[in-house]
Amino acid sequence: MEAMGETVGEAKWAALRELEKQHPGLDKSAVHFQVVTEGERGLLGVGFAPAKVVATVSTDAVVADTVDESELAAEARALVTRIVDGIGVTGRIDVDESEELITVSCVGSTPFSTSPTQ
């Protein structure tokens, strides 16, 4: 999760709030922050640049609803979790299971920002 604020502290809080929206019950001690830019105050608003941080959370810290999950569904969740962690995506992994089908989906965002080249 990438977030910005006037200060590094504000950027961290913004990232933490977004992560809590995606993962209710998140263990805040498992969130790690990387400061991208510390920001600059500028003079009378000229030259102001916001602080930017990237927050990551281990998937072990995300509270998952796995009450009625079969062993095969749990293995599918674990596999997708490893893939998602490997490519650097933070998100919620949902598993739907029926008698003949297991569907795994991941909802989230990448920690990378893309901007069009000019």
C-alpha atoms as a PDB file:
ATOM      1  CA  MET A   1       0.000   0.000   0.000  1.00  0.00           C
ATOM      2  CA  GLU A   2       1.464   3.347  -1.006  1.00  0.00           C
ATOM      3  CA  ALA A   3       0.316   6.483   0.799  1.00  0.00           C
ATOM      4  CA  MET A   4       1.199  10.168   1.005  1.00  0.00           C
ATOM      5  CA  GLY A   5       0.866  12.870   3.631  1.00  0.00           C
ATOM      6  CA  GLU A   6       2.340  16.186   4.745  1.00  0.00           C
ATOM      7  CA  THR A   7       4.721  14.310   7.042  1.00  0.00           C
ATOM      8  CA  VAL A   8       6.031  10.753   7.175  1.00  0.00           C
ATOM      9  CA  GLY A   9       3.810  10.131  10.209  1.00  0.00           C
ATOM     10  CA  GLU A  10       0.680  11.249   8.357  1.00  0.00           C
ATOM     11  CA  ALA A  11       1.615   9.090   5.372  1.00  0.00           C
ATOM     12  CA  LYS A  12       2.059   6.069   7.665  1.00  0.00           C
ATOM     13  CA  TRP A  13      -1.350   6.657   9.274  1.00  0.00           C
ATOM     14  CA  ALA A  14      -2.991   6.982   5.857  1.00  0.00           C
ATOM     15  CA  ALA A  15      -1.447   3.689   4.727  1.00  0.00           C
ATOM     16  CA  LEU A  16      -2.453   1.974   7.959  1.00  0.00           C
ATOM     17  CA  ARG A  17      -6.070   3.167   7.634  1.00  0.00           C
ATOM     18  CA  GLU A  18      -6.257   1.802   4.072  1.00  0.00           C
ATOM     19  CA  LEU A  19      -4.789  -1.534   5.135  1.00  0.00           C
ATOM     20  CA  GLU A  20      -7.319  -1.756   7.967  1.00  0.00           C
ATOM     21  CA  LYS A  21     -10.131  -1.188   5.442  1.00  0.00           C
ATOM     22  CA  GLN A  22      -8.839  -4.073   3.336  1.00  0.00           C
ATOM     23  CA  HIS A  23      -8.077  -6.318   6.328  1.00  0.00           C
ATOM     24  CA  PRO A  24     -10.342  -5.711   9.328  1.00  0.00           C
ATOM     25  CA  GLY A  25      -8.695  -7.041  12.493  1.00  0.00           C
ATOM     26  CA  LEU A  26      -5.196  -6.489  11.113  1.00  0.00           C
ATOM     27  CA  ASP A  27      -2.345  -6.858  13.616  1.00  0.00           C
ATOM     28  CA  LYS A  28      -0.731  -3.414  13.381  1.00  0.00           C
ATOM     29  CA  SER A  29       2.595  -4.693  14.688  1.00  0.00           C
ATOM     30  CA  ALA A  30       2.960  -6.787  11.498  1.00  0.00           C
ATOM     31  CA  VAL A  31       2.871  -3.729   9.235  1.00  0.00           C
ATOM     32  CA  HIS A  32       6.262  -2.615   7.927  1.00  0.00           C
ATOM     33  CA  PHE A  33       6.873   0.818   6.418  1.00  0.00           C
ATOM     34  CA  GLN A  34       9.421   1.925   3.855  1.00  0.00           C
ATOM     35  CA  VAL A  35       9.875   5.674   3.487  1.00  0.00           C
ATOM     36  CA  VAL A  36      10.076   6.571  -0.204  1.00  0.00           C
ATOM     37  CA  THR A  37      10.360  10.347   0.269  1.00  0.00           C
ATOM     38  CA  GLU A  38      10.347  12.390   3.448  1.00  0.00           C
ATOM     39  CA  GLY A  39       8.664  15.321   1.755  1.00  0.00           C
ATOM     40  CA  GLU A  40       9.567  18.995   1.781  1.00  0.00           C
ATOM     41  CA  ARG A  41       7.726  21.839   3.409  1.00  0.00           C
ATOM     42  CA  GLY A  42       8.595  24.453   0.812  1.00  0.00           C
ATOM     43  CA  LEU A  43       8.454  28.202   1.390  1.00  0.00           C
ATOM     44  CA  LEU A  44       4.960  29.717   1.469  1.00  0.00           C
ATOM     45  CA  GLY A  45       3.641  26.663  -0.317  1.00  0.00           C
ATOM     46  CA  VAL A  46       6.192  26.849  -3.126  1.00  0.00           C
ATOM     47  CA  GLY A  47       8.269  23.707  -3.476  1.00  0.00           C
ATOM     48  CA  PHE A  48       6.014  21.598  -1.245  1.00  0.00           C
ATOM     49  CA  ALA A  49       6.396  17.842  -1.794  1.00  0.00           C
ATOM     50  CA  PRO A  50       4.401  15.292   0.208  1.00  0.00           C
ATOM     51  CA  ALA A  51       6.002  12.480   2.158  1.00  0.00           C
ATOM     52  CA  LYS A  52       5.461   9.058   0.621  1.00  0.00           C
ATOM     53  CA  VAL A  53       5.625   5.622   2.282  1.00  0.00           C
ATOM     54  CA  VAL A  54       5.016   2.045   1.197  1.00  0.00           C
ATOM     55  CA  ALA A  55       3.396  -0.184   3.806  1.00  0.00           C
ATOM     56  CA  THR A  56       3.530  -3.952   3.598  1.00  0.00           C
ATOM     57  CA  VAL A  57       1.949  -6.562   5.810  1.00  0.00           C
ATOM     58  CA  SER A  58       2.725 -10.236   6.073  1.00  0.00           C
ATOM     59  CA  THR A  59      -0.153 -12.457   5.006  1.00  0.00           C
ATOM     60  CA  ASP A  60       0.185 -14.295   8.325  1.00  0.00           C
ATOM     61  CA  ALA A  61      -1.092 -11.151  10.065  1.00  0.00           C
ATOM     62  CA  VAL A  62      -4.238 -10.930   7.971  1.00  0.00           C
ATOM     63  CA  VAL A  63      -7.194 -12.397   9.783  1.00  0.00           C
ATOM     64  CA  ALA A  64      -8.712 -14.950   7.429  1.00  0.00           C
ATOM     65  CA  ASP A  65     -12.076 -16.613   7.686  1.00  0.00           C
ATOM     66  CA  THR A  66     -11.109 -20.250   7.220  1.00  0.00           C
ATOM     67  CA  VAL A  67     -13.651 -21.919   9.500  1.00  0.00           C
ATOM     68  CA  ASP A  68     -15.245 -24.368   7.041  1.00  0.00           C
ATOM     69  CA  GLU A  69     -12.324 -24.715   4.628  1.00  0.00           C
ATOM     70  CA  SER A  70     -11.311 -28.182   3.423  1.00  0.00           C
ATOM     71  CA  GLU A  71      -7.696 -29.275   3.301  1.00  0.00           C
ATOM     72  CA  LEU A  72      -7.628 -28.848  -0.485  1.00  0.00           C
ATOM     73  CA  ALA A  73      -9.085 -25.322  -0.238  1.00  0.00           C
ATOM     74  CA  ALA A  74      -6.499 -24.437   2.418  1.00  0.00           C
ATOM     75  CA  GLU A  75      -3.727 -25.676   0.104  1.00  0.00           C
ATOM     76  CA  ALA A  76      -5.153 -23.578  -2.751  1.00  0.00           C
ATOM     77  CA  ARG A  77      -5.243 -20.521  -0.447  1.00  0.00           C
ATOM     78  CA  ALA A  78      -1.626 -21.151   0.621  1.00  0.00           C
ATOM     79  CA  LEU A  79      -0.469 -21.472  -3.001  1.00  0.00           C
ATOM     80  CA  VAL A  80      -2.162 -18.246  -4.107  1.00  0.00           C
ATOM     81  CA  THR A  81      -0.836 -16.484  -0.989  1.00  0.00           C
ATOM     82  CA  ARG A  82       2.735 -17.473  -1.913  1.00  0.00           C
ATOM     83  CA  ILE A  83       2.238 -16.257  -5.480  1.00  0.00           C
ATOM     84  CA  VAL A  84       0.698 -12.961  -4.347  1.00  0.00           C
ATOM     85  CA  ASP A  85       3.531 -12.362  -1.856  1.00  0.00           C
ATOM     86  CA  GLY A  86       6.097 -13.232  -4.528  1.00  0.00           C
ATOM     87  CA  ILE A  87       4.834 -10.646  -6.994  1.00  0.00           C
ATOM     88  CA  GLY A  88       4.461  -7.968  -4.335  1.00  0.00           C
ATOM     89  CA  VAL A  89       0.690  -7.588  -4.271  1.00  0.00           C
ATOM     90  CA  THR A  90      -1.137  -6.816  -1.054  1.00  0.00           C
ATOM     91  CA  GLY A  91      -4.724  -7.898  -0.851  1.00  0.00           C
ATOM     92  CA  ARG A  92      -7.434 -10.125   0.499  1.00  0.00           C
ATOM     93  CA  ILE A  93      -7.592 -13.726  -0.666  1.00  0.00           C
ATOM     94  CA  ASP A  94     -11.054 -15.266  -0.852  1.00  0.00           C
ATOM     95  CA  VAL A  95     -11.786 -18.963  -1.334  1.00  0.00           C
ATOM     96  CA  ASP A  96     -15.179 -20.248  -2.484  1.00  0.00           C
ATOM     97  CA  GLU A  97     -15.704 -23.962  -2.367  1.00  0.00           C
ATOM     98  CA  SER A  98     -18.447 -26.154  -3.779  1.00  0.00           C
ATOM     99  CA  GLU A  99     -18.629 -29.933  -4.231  1.00  0.00           C
ATOM    100  CA  GLU A 100     -16.825 -29.853  -7.587  1.00  0.00           C
ATOM    101  CA  LEU A 101     -15.023 -26.513  -7.695  1.00  0.00           C
ATOM    102  CA  ILE A 102     -12.655 -24.349  -5.651  1.00  0.00           C
ATOM    103  CA  THR A 103     -12.407 -20.718  -6.732  1.00  0.00           C
ATOM    104  CA  VAL A 104      -9.630 -18.525  -5.327  1.00  0.00           C
ATOM    105  CA  SER A 105      -9.665 -14.772  -5.908  1.00  0.00           C
ATOM    106  CA  CYS A 106      -7.385 -11.989  -4.770  1.00  0.00           C
ATOM    107  CA  VAL A 107      -8.583  -8.418  -4.334  1.00  0.00           C
ATOM    108  CA  GLY A 108      -5.976  -5.737  -3.746  1.00  0.00           C
ATOM    109  CA  SER A 109      -3.553  -3.337  -5.278  1.00  0.00           C
ATOM    110  CA  THR A 110       0.103  -3.348  -6.230  1.00  0.00           C
ATOM    111  CA  PRO A 111       2.620  -1.308  -4.239  1.00  0.00           C
ATOM    112  CA  PHE A 112       3.918   0.200  -7.457  1.00  0.00           C
ATOM    113  CA  SER A 113       2.687   3.473  -8.835  1.00  0.00           C
ATOM    114  CA  THR A 114       2.543   3.960 -12.540  1.00  0.00           C
ATOM    115  CA  SER A 115       2.415   7.290 -14.217  1.00  0.00           C
ATOM    116  CA  PRO A 116       2.202   8.033 -17.909  1.00  0.00           C
ATOM    117  CA  THR A 117       5.408   9.248 -19.490  1.00  0.00           C
ATOM    118  CA  GLN A 118       5.319  12.709 -20.909  1.00  0.00           C
END
